[in-house]
Amino acid sequence: QYVMRQIFSAVNYCHKNGIFHRDLKPENILIEECYDNMYNIKIIDFGTSEIFKKDKIFHHQIGTSYYIAPEVLKNKYNHKCDLWSCGVIMYILLSGSPPFYGKNEDEILSSVQTGKFEFRSKVWKKISDSAKDLIIKLLEVDVDKRLSAEQALQHPWLCSLNDSFETQNDSFFRSEAPKLSLKKVVNNMTNFSTFKNLQRAAIYYLIHHFSKVEEVREFRNIFIKFDRDKDGKLTKDEFIQGIME
């Protein structure tokens, strides 16, 4: 759940900024670090990514056989092909096998085009109906009915994680609590913000003041705690509430 939430959050952030990956797969998801069996991940390889505008249709076939969406095979697709790939990744993470398979690439692609998959192996007996429901809504052949990344983040399977994460894993944040004084950080940023654009000021501040991974990690933990809806972005209200606390 924790890994999938990060994937959806990253995809949602990209889509809201008009970028889609087009080749999401486990090989392009790297583990940055691990806290108590909770993995922080990074999505890489945006070499196949594309900038899109609302309702724009793409026709150039790009992707990897196991993870490619059926509409991409028809050379008529949009950014939601990323969500199909997310569904395949989630299926594999939970079961250890792909939903669409074959003896060779042609058979795999043929299986993808049908869009038919099953939860037949024994491992699925231990998987919740909520998780299966999310997979079904991601591996939806009808693109208009397929969930968006934002909708996926609001699915009950991930919402249950948000609830438990806030209560059971609060120690996660405390154990990795920033060594820097948050008040000092805010004062430093305020003094540095000669730029009118706060976002630009924040980026310049981080670039010029932090060189070690440990220092970046401290700010990452602050960001995660402030980001209450786990969408990968901080609103003004989230920022103010975080500073107040």
Protein backbone atom coordinates (compact mmCIF):
# COMPACT_ATOMS: atom_id res chain seq x y z
CA GLN A 1 0.00 0.00 0.00
CA TYR A 2 2.72 2.44 1.00
CA VAL A 3 4.60 1.90 -2.27
CA MET A 4 1.49 2.14 -4.44
CA ARG A 5 0.41 5.33 -2.72
CA GLN A 6 3.77 6.89 -3.58
CA ILE A 7 3.44 5.73 -7.20
CA PHE A 8 -0.07 7.19 -7.54
CA SER A 9 1.06 10.39 -5.84
CA ALA A 10 3.97 10.77 -8.28
CA VAL A 11 1.77 10.01 -11.30
CA ASN A 12 -0.90 12.41 -10.07
CA TYR A 13 1.70 15.15 -9.65
CA CYS A 14 3.03 14.57 -13.18
CA HIS A 15 -0.44 14.46 -14.74
CA LYS A 16 -1.53 17.65 -13.00
CA ASN A 17 1.54 19.29 -14.50
CA GLY A 18 0.79 17.98 -17.99
CA ILE A 19 3.34 15.15 -18.17
CA PHE A 20 2.79 11.43 -18.51
CA HIS A 21 5.45 8.73 -18.30
CA ARG A 22 4.31 6.18 -20.93
CA ASP A 23 6.56 3.37 -19.69
CA LEU A 24 5.82 2.79 -16.02
CA LYS A 25 7.13 -0.61 -14.86
CA PRO A 26 8.95 -2.05 -11.82
CA GLU A 27 12.30 -1.55 -13.54
CA ASN A 28 11.63 2.19 -13.47
CA ILE A 29 10.77 2.26 -9.77
CA LEU A 30 13.82 2.40 -7.52
CA ILE A 31 13.98 2.01 -3.74
CA GLU A 32 15.65 5.07 -2.22
CA GLU A 33 15.61 3.89 1.38
CA CYS A 34 13.65 1.82 3.89
CA TYR A 35 12.19 2.63 7.30
CA ASP A 36 10.74 -0.31 9.25
CA ASN A 37 9.82 -2.21 6.06
CA MET A 38 8.31 0.93 4.50
CA TYR A 39 10.08 1.75 1.26
CA ASN A 40 10.57 5.24 -0.10
CA ILE A 41 10.70 4.97 -3.87
CA LYS A 42 11.69 7.07 -6.87
CA ILE A 43 10.23 6.86 -10.38
CA ILE A 44 12.93 7.19 -13.04
CA ASP A 45 13.50 7.13 -16.81
CA PHE A 46 11.33 9.89 -18.23
CA GLY A 47 12.93 9.42 -21.63
CA THR A 48 9.62 8.23 -23.06
CA SER A 49 7.51 10.83 -21.26
CA GLU A 50 5.43 13.36 -23.13
CA ILE A 51 3.82 16.71 -22.45
CA PHE A 52 0.07 16.66 -22.98
CA LYS A 53 -2.92 18.93 -22.91
CA LYS A 54 -6.45 17.99 -21.97
CA ASP A 55 -8.18 15.73 -24.50
CA LYS A 56 -5.01 15.37 -26.60
CA ILE A 57 -4.71 11.96 -28.29
CA PHE A 58 -1.36 10.29 -29.01
CA HIS A 59 -0.66 7.78 -31.76
CA HIS A 60 2.98 6.68 -31.41
CA GLN A 61 3.19 3.24 -29.79
CA ILE A 62 5.53 3.26 -26.78
CA GLY A 63 5.74 0.94 -23.78
CA THR A 64 6.76 -2.48 -22.49
CA SER A 65 4.68 -5.55 -23.33
CA TYR A 66 3.54 -6.59 -19.84
CA TYR A 67 2.60 -3.06 -18.83
CA ILE A 68 1.39 -1.43 -22.02
CA ALA A 69 -2.27 -0.39 -22.16
CA PRO A 70 -4.56 -1.86 -24.85
CA GLU A 71 -5.38 1.56 -26.29
CA VAL A 72 -1.66 2.20 -26.87
CA LEU A 73 -1.57 -0.94 -29.03
CA LYS A 74 -4.34 0.66 -31.08
CA ASN A 75 -2.23 3.81 -31.47
CA LYS A 76 -4.89 6.01 -29.93
CA TYR A 77 -4.35 6.90 -26.29
CA ASN A 78 -3.93 9.63 -23.67
CA HIS A 79 -2.27 10.07 -20.26
CA LYS A 80 -4.50 7.42 -18.64
CA CYS A 81 -2.28 4.71 -20.12
CA ASP A 82 -0.11 5.37 -17.04
CA LEU A 83 -2.95 4.22 -14.80
CA TRP A 84 -3.23 0.92 -16.67
CA SER A 85 0.49 0.40 -16.05
CA CYS A 86 -0.08 1.21 -12.36
CA GLY A 87 -2.75 -1.50 -12.25
CA VAL A 88 -0.35 -4.06 -13.71
CA ILE A 89 2.37 -3.04 -11.25
CA MET A 90 -0.04 -3.33 -8.33
CA TYR A 91 -1.18 -6.77 -9.53
CA ILE A 92 2.44 -7.93 -9.71
CA LEU A 93 3.40 -6.48 -6.33
CA LEU A 94 0.52 -8.31 -4.65
CA SER A 95 0.75 -11.64 -6.46
CA GLY A 96 4.25 -11.94 -7.89
CA SER A 97 2.93 -12.60 -11.41
CA PRO A 98 1.58 -10.40 -14.24
CA PRO A 99 -2.14 -10.22 -15.09
CA PHE A 100 -1.39 -10.63 -18.80
CA TYR A 101 1.13 -13.20 -19.97
CA GLY A 102 2.15 -15.49 -22.80
CA LYS A 103 5.00 -17.63 -24.13
CA ASN A 104 6.32 -14.76 -26.24
CA GLU A 105 5.77 -11.04 -26.75
CA ASP A 106 3.06 -11.55 -29.38
CA GLU A 107 1.04 -13.71 -26.99
CA ILE A 108 1.52 -11.21 -24.17
CA LEU A 109 0.30 -8.33 -26.34
CA SER A 110 -2.63 -10.42 -27.53
CA SER A 111 -3.57 -11.06 -23.90
CA VAL A 112 -3.32 -7.35 -23.12
CA GLN A 113 -5.63 -6.50 -26.02
CA THR A 114 -8.37 -8.73 -24.60
CA GLY A 115 -8.12 -6.91 -21.27
CA LYS A 116 -9.19 -10.10 -19.49
CA PHE A 117 -7.47 -11.15 -16.27
CA GLU A 118 -8.29 -13.21 -13.20
CA PHE A 119 -7.58 -13.51 -9.47
CA ARG A 120 -7.23 -17.29 -9.55
CA SER A 121 -3.94 -18.09 -7.80
CA LYS A 122 -3.96 -19.02 -4.10
CA VAL A 123 -2.25 -15.78 -3.13
CA TRP A 124 -5.35 -13.78 -4.04
CA LYS A 125 -7.35 -15.49 -1.28
CA LYS A 126 -5.31 -13.45 1.18
CA ILE A 127 -5.76 -10.18 -0.70
CA SER A 128 -8.62 -7.88 0.31
CA ASP A 129 -11.61 -7.25 -1.93
CA SER A 130 -10.79 -3.54 -1.72
CA ALA A 131 -7.37 -4.11 -3.30
CA LYS A 132 -8.91 -6.24 -6.04
CA ASP A 133 -11.51 -3.56 -6.69
CA LEU A 134 -8.81 -0.95 -7.21
CA ILE A 135 -6.97 -3.21 -9.67
CA ILE A 136 -10.20 -3.84 -11.60
CA LYS A 137 -10.84 -0.10 -11.87
CA LEU A 138 -7.30 0.50 -13.09
CA LEU A 139 -7.26 -2.34 -15.61
CA GLU A 140 -10.44 -1.00 -17.20
CA VAL A 141 -10.30 -1.21 -20.99
CA ASP A 142 -12.70 1.73 -21.34
CA VAL A 143 -10.38 4.68 -20.79
CA ASP A 144 -13.25 6.98 -19.80
CA LYS A 145 -14.21 4.60 -16.98
CA ARG A 146 -10.63 3.99 -15.81
CA LEU A 147 -9.64 5.78 -12.61
CA SER A 148 -7.41 8.81 -12.72
CA ALA A 149 -4.39 9.00 -10.42
CA GLU A 150 -6.28 11.47 -8.23
CA GLN A 151 -9.25 9.10 -7.96
CA ALA A 152 -6.94 6.18 -7.19
CA LEU A 153 -5.50 8.11 -4.25
CA GLN A 154 -9.05 8.48 -2.89
CA HIS A 155 -9.85 4.76 -3.20
CA PRO A 156 -10.81 3.05 0.11
CA TRP A 157 -7.80 0.71 -0.11
CA LEU A 158 -5.44 3.68 0.11
CA CYS A 159 -7.63 5.77 2.41
CA SER A 160 -7.41 3.00 4.99
CA LEU A 161 -3.63 3.33 4.81
CA ASN A 162 -3.84 7.09 5.32
CA ASP A 163 -5.85 6.56 8.52
CA SER A 164 -3.54 3.92 9.98
CA PHE A 165 -0.47 5.82 8.85
CA GLU A 166 -1.46 8.87 10.85
CA THR A 167 -2.13 6.90 14.05
CA GLN A 168 -0.04 3.72 14.14
CA ASN A 169 3.01 5.12 12.39
CA ASP A 170 3.34 8.49 14.04
CA SER A 171 6.44 7.04 15.68
CA PHE A 172 7.87 6.75 12.16
CA PHE A 173 7.99 10.52 11.94
CA ARG A 174 9.20 10.93 15.52
CA SER A 175 12.03 8.42 15.09
CA GLU A 176 13.16 10.29 11.99
CA ALA A 177 12.32 13.69 13.39
CA PRO A 178 14.35 16.52 11.86
CA LYS A 179 17.45 17.48 13.81
CA LEU A 180 17.09 20.99 12.48
CA SER A 181 14.85 23.37 14.39
CA LEU A 182 11.74 23.92 12.26
CA LYS A 183 11.52 27.46 13.62
CA LYS A 184 15.11 28.08 12.53
CA VAL A 185 14.37 26.67 9.07
CA VAL A 186 11.38 28.99 8.66
CA ASN A 187 13.43 31.97 9.80
CA ASN A 188 16.23 31.08 7.40
CA MET A 189 13.79 30.75 4.51
CA THR A 190 12.16 34.06 5.45
CA ASN A 191 15.52 35.84 5.52
CA PHE A 192 16.46 34.23 2.22
CA SER A 193 13.20 35.01 0.43
CA THR A 194 14.35 38.16 -1.32
CA PHE A 195 12.67 36.53 -4.31
CA LYS A 196 9.04 37.44 -4.76
CA ASN A 197 8.26 33.84 -5.75
CA LEU A 198 8.21 31.68 -2.59
CA GLN A 199 8.51 28.48 -4.60
CA ARG A 200 11.65 29.71 -6.34
CA ALA A 201 13.05 30.88 -3.01
CA ALA A 202 12.47 27.47 -1.46
CA ILE A 203 14.17 25.67 -4.34
CA TYR A 204 17.19 28.00 -4.31
CA TYR A 205 17.45 27.67 -0.55
CA LEU A 206 17.51 23.87 -0.70
CA ILE A 207 20.02 23.79 -3.55
CA HIS A 208 22.49 26.16 -1.89
CA HIS A 209 22.20 24.97 1.69
CA PHE A 210 21.90 21.19 1.50
CA SER A 211 24.49 18.86 0.04
CA LYS A 212 24.05 15.71 2.12
CA VAL A 213 21.36 13.06 1.66
CA GLU A 214 20.68 13.15 5.42
CA GLU A 215 19.86 16.85 5.25
CA VAL A 216 17.49 16.36 2.31
CA ARG A 217 15.86 13.45 4.16
CA GLU A 218 15.10 15.69 7.13
CA PHE A 219 13.17 18.06 4.88
CA ARG A 220 11.47 15.11 3.18
CA ASN A 221 10.11 13.99 6.55
CA ILE A 222 8.76 17.48 7.22
CA PHE A 223 7.14 17.51 3.79
CA ILE A 224 5.51 14.07 4.31
CA LYS A 225 4.07 15.17 7.64
CA PHE A 226 2.73 18.45 6.20
CA ASP A 227 1.22 16.74 3.12
CA ARG A 228 -2.00 15.63 4.80
CA ASP A 229 -3.87 14.46 1.70
CA LYS A 230 -0.75 12.67 0.37
CA ASP A 231 -1.02 14.18 -3.10
CA GLY A 232 2.65 15.10 -3.33
CA LYS A 233 1.97 18.86 -3.13
CA LEU A 234 1.56 21.33 -0.29
CA THR A 235 -1.34 23.74 -0.29
CA LYS A 236 -1.15 27.04 1.53
CA ASP A 237 -3.45 25.67 4.25
CA GLU A 238 -1.35 22.50 4.69
CA PHE A 239 1.79 24.60 4.97
CA ILE A 240 0.29 26.96 7.54
CA GLN A 241 -1.21 24.09 9.56
CA GLY A 242 2.13 22.28 9.54
CA ILE A 243 3.99 25.38 10.73
CA MET A 244 1.39 25.93 13.48
CA GLU A 245 1.87 22.38 14.77
